[in-house]
Protein backbone atom coordinates (compact mmCIF):
# COMPACT_ATOMS: atom_id res chain seq x y z
CA MET A 1 43.16 -6.69 -22.52
CA PRO A 2 40.06 -5.16 -22.14
CA SER A 3 37.44 -6.59 -20.01
CA GLY A 4 34.31 -8.00 -21.16
CA PRO A 5 31.04 -6.04 -22.54
CA ARG A 6 28.54 -5.19 -20.37
CA THR A 7 25.49 -6.43 -20.89
CA PRO A 8 23.34 -4.32 -23.49
CA ARG A 9 20.66 -3.53 -21.81
CA GLU A 10 22.51 -2.50 -18.74
CA ARG A 11 24.57 -0.47 -21.09
CA THR A 12 21.50 0.95 -23.16
CA THR A 13 18.84 1.03 -20.82
CA TYR A 14 20.19 2.07 -16.88
CA HIS A 15 23.03 4.92 -17.64
CA HIS A 16 22.22 8.43 -15.84
CA GLY A 17 20.73 6.93 -13.26
CA ALA A 18 17.84 4.89 -14.62
CA LEU A 19 19.08 1.88 -12.86
CA ARG A 20 17.31 3.00 -9.63
CA GLU A 21 14.17 3.27 -10.95
CA ALA A 22 14.18 0.55 -13.12
CA LEU A 23 15.35 -1.53 -9.82
CA LEU A 24 11.85 0.04 -7.96
CA ALA A 25 9.92 -0.54 -10.88
CA GLY A 26 11.09 -4.42 -11.30
CA ALA A 27 10.94 -4.79 -7.14
CA ARG A 28 6.78 -3.87 -7.74
CA GLU A 29 6.39 -6.42 -10.29
CA MET A 30 8.08 -8.96 -7.96
CA LEU A 31 6.52 -8.38 -5.22
CA ALA A 32 3.18 -8.52 -6.81
CA GLU A 33 3.87 -11.71 -7.91
CA ARG A 34 6.20 -13.57 -5.78
CA GLY A 35 5.54 -11.54 -1.95
CA LEU A 36 7.66 -10.45 0.40
CA ASP A 37 9.39 -13.60 0.94
CA GLY A 38 10.15 -14.66 -2.93
CA PHE A 39 12.29 -11.36 -3.59
CA SER A 40 15.48 -10.55 -3.25
CA LEU A 41 18.17 -8.34 -4.73
CA SER A 42 20.02 -10.98 -6.27
CA ALA A 43 17.18 -12.22 -8.16
CA LEU A 44 15.80 -8.50 -9.16
CA ALA A 45 19.50 -8.05 -10.79
CA ARG A 46 18.88 -11.67 -13.10
CA ARG A 47 15.26 -10.47 -14.02
CA LEU A 48 16.72 -6.43 -15.11
CA GLY A 49 19.82 -8.57 -16.64
CA VAL A 50 22.46 -6.37 -14.45
CA SER A 51 25.27 -8.15 -12.24
CA THR A 52 24.39 -8.88 -8.72
CA ALA A 53 26.31 -5.75 -7.75
CA ALA A 54 24.54 -3.49 -9.65
CA PRO A 55 21.55 -3.09 -7.02
CA TYR A 56 24.16 -1.83 -4.33
CA ARG A 57 25.08 1.20 -6.16
CA HIS A 58 21.50 2.55 -5.06
CA PHE A 59 20.86 1.05 -2.29
CA ALA A 60 22.72 -0.62 0.85
CA ASP A 61 20.99 -3.71 0.77
CA ARG A 62 17.45 -5.76 0.51
CA ASP A 63 15.85 -3.78 3.23
CA ALA A 64 17.21 -0.56 2.13
CA LEU A 65 15.27 -0.68 -1.45
CA LEU A 66 12.05 -2.05 0.33
CA ASP A 67 12.36 1.05 2.59
CA ALA A 68 12.13 3.04 -0.44
CA LEU A 69 9.21 1.43 -1.49
CA CYS A 70 7.19 1.68 1.40
CA LEU A 71 7.69 5.37 1.08
CA GLU A 72 6.41 5.49 -2.34
CA GLY A 73 3.44 3.76 -1.48
CA TYR A 74 2.95 5.85 1.49
CA ALA A 75 2.72 8.71 -0.64
CA LEU A 76 0.15 7.09 -2.95
CA PHE A 77 -1.68 5.84 -0.63
CA GLY A 78 -2.10 8.85 1.40
CA ALA A 79 -2.77 10.89 -1.68
CA ALA A 80 -5.75 8.25 -2.62
CA LEU A 81 -7.31 8.61 0.82
CA ALA A 82 -7.11 12.55 0.77
CA ARG A 83 -9.33 12.60 -2.70
CA ALA A 84 -11.94 10.22 -1.00
CA ALA A 85 -12.20 12.66 2.00
CA ARG A 86 -12.51 15.33 -0.07
CA THR A 87 -15.48 13.82 -2.35
CA THR A 88 -18.48 14.86 -0.08
CA ASP A 89 -19.25 16.57 3.25
CA ASP A 90 -21.77 13.53 4.35
CA PRO A 91 -19.84 12.43 6.87
CA ARG A 92 -21.32 8.66 6.26
CA GLU A 93 -20.50 8.56 2.25
CA VAL A 94 -17.00 9.79 3.40
CA LEU A 95 -16.58 6.95 5.57
CA HIS A 96 -17.74 4.97 2.42
CA ALA A 97 -15.73 6.63 0.11
CA LEU A 98 -12.32 6.18 2.11
CA GLY A 99 -13.13 2.00 2.53
CA VAL A 100 -13.70 1.76 -0.68
CA ALA A 101 -10.24 3.70 -1.47
CA TYR A 102 -8.41 1.29 1.02
CA LEU A 103 -9.50 -1.63 -0.81
CA THR A 104 -9.16 -0.07 -3.98
CA PHE A 105 -5.47 0.60 -3.68
CA ALA A 106 -4.65 -2.65 -1.96
CA ARG A 107 -6.35 -4.35 -5.04
CA GLU A 108 -4.63 -1.94 -7.24
CA HIS A 109 -1.19 -1.99 -5.80
CA PRO A 110 -0.48 -5.08 -4.46
CA SER A 111 3.27 -4.86 -4.20
CA PHE A 112 3.06 -1.32 -2.22
CA PHE A 113 0.12 -3.03 0.13
CA ALA A 114 1.89 -6.07 1.12
CA ILE A 115 5.15 -4.09 2.57
CA MET A 116 3.76 -1.26 3.72
CA PHE A 117 2.39 -2.18 6.93
CA THR A 118 5.35 -4.43 8.24
CA GLY A 119 6.72 -1.79 10.65
CA ARG A 120 9.82 -1.88 8.51
CA SER A 121 11.66 0.75 9.69
CA ASP A 122 11.60 3.82 11.87
CA ALA A 123 11.44 6.29 8.71
CA THR A 124 8.54 3.89 6.87
CA ILE A 125 6.45 4.10 10.28
CA GLU A 126 6.71 7.87 10.56
CA ALA A 127 5.66 8.49 6.98
CA GLY A 128 2.39 5.76 7.03
CA ALA A 129 1.44 7.66 10.11
CA PRO A 130 -0.42 10.60 8.46
CA THR A 131 -2.35 8.12 6.41
CA PHE A 132 -4.01 7.58 9.18
CA GLU A 133 -5.28 11.14 9.73
CA PRO A 134 -8.25 11.30 7.32
CA LEU A 135 -10.30 8.27 8.76
CA VAL A 136 -10.15 9.79 12.25
CA GLN A 137 -11.17 13.07 11.12
CA ALA A 138 -13.72 11.48 9.06
CA VAL A 139 -14.87 9.39 12.17
CA LEU A 140 -15.22 12.57 14.09
CA ALA A 141 -17.22 14.28 11.37
CA ALA A 142 -19.72 11.51 11.89
CA GLN A 143 -19.85 11.67 15.76
CA GLN A 144 -20.94 15.25 15.49
CA ALA A 145 -23.19 14.14 12.77
CA GLY A 146 -24.77 11.67 15.27
CA ALA A 147 -23.78 9.10 13.00
CA LEU A 148 -21.49 7.23 15.00
CA PRO A 149 -21.50 6.87 18.84
CA ALA A 150 -19.93 10.33 20.23
CA GLY A 151 -18.89 8.73 23.61
CA THR A 152 -16.04 6.76 22.05
CA ASP A 153 -12.56 8.44 21.49
CA PRO A 154 -12.54 9.26 17.70
CA ARG A 155 -8.96 7.67 17.12
CA VAL A 156 -10.44 4.01 19.16
CA LEU A 157 -12.99 4.22 16.87
CA SER A 158 -10.75 4.84 13.35
CA ARG A 159 -8.57 1.92 14.98
CA THR A 160 -11.22 -0.35 14.94
CA LEU A 161 -12.64 -0.21 11.14
CA TRP A 162 -9.20 0.71 10.02
CA ALA A 163 -8.71 -2.61 11.31
CA THR A 164 -11.98 -4.05 9.63
CA LEU A 165 -10.96 -2.36 6.09
CA HIS A 166 -7.67 -4.29 6.15
CA GLY A 167 -9.27 -7.07 7.11
CA LEU A 168 -11.17 -7.13 4.59
CA ALA A 169 -8.26 -6.00 2.15
CA VAL A 170 -6.45 -8.71 2.55
CA LEU A 171 -8.98 -11.30 2.24
CA SER A 172 -9.81 -10.22 -0.78
CA ARG A 173 -6.49 -10.11 -2.07
CA GLN A 174 -5.99 -13.90 -0.93
CA ARG A 175 -9.45 -14.69 -2.58
CA GLY A 176 -10.59 -15.77 0.93
CA PHE A 177 -14.21 -14.13 0.11
CA VAL A 178 -14.31 -16.50 -2.91
CA LYS A 179 -13.63 -19.86 -1.66
CA LEU A 180 -16.56 -18.82 1.22
CA GLY A 181 -18.88 -18.39 -2.07
CA LEU A 182 -19.31 -14.56 -0.87
CA ASP A 183 -16.85 -12.29 -2.62
CA ASP A 184 -18.53 -9.10 -3.59
CA THR A 185 -17.50 -5.24 -5.18
CA ASP A 186 -15.27 -3.13 -2.73
CA GLU A 187 -18.18 -1.32 -2.55
CA ARG A 188 -20.41 -3.92 -1.02
CA LEU A 189 -17.67 -5.14 1.31
CA VAL A 190 -17.53 -1.82 2.91
CA ALA A 191 -21.00 -0.90 3.00
CA ASP A 192 -21.79 -4.22 4.64
CA ALA A 193 -18.86 -3.83 7.63
CA PHE A 194 -19.57 -0.02 7.96
CA ALA A 195 -23.75 -1.15 8.42
CA LEU A 196 -22.36 -2.32 11.76
CA ALA A 197 -21.19 0.99 13.07
CA LEU A 198 -23.38 3.69 11.70
CA ARG A 199 -26.47 4.28 12.81
């Protein structure tokens, strides 16, 4: 007696390796809607109309899928920061462009942003480390131009600016500024924050 038919969606949409991409796309949507705590492989499978075993053909477990998303996110994030760093030769403007790129990425890619900074695995930490370097180079250039204090280790100063940007991004995503009546554009948020450090 033949086994029951596969679901039409699985049969017609997810052959020839397309399921892996569908899983990643569906995971991005779920993370944007529900956050990390609301994500599971079984819920993702139901969303895509496939069996609960189907995701395991491509990912060993939930963490493996999330790690794959992290790597994808860091590639996009790194490219966005690299583009921002090339927009001008003025050190102050480069810092501003990097800050705006950071906030823009967090707003436009909430699913990636939700998981990229969670220290998921050695591989994702290693992939994320280079994204810090454009800011370090911009800080060093600003120090050499006299726009930032020269006596501070550029990596230490970059750490403070990075933490500031991350805080702005999180508060913006969670509508914290709206609740306080302090919401503003990314450009204004970055300009106000960096004005405290720039000369």
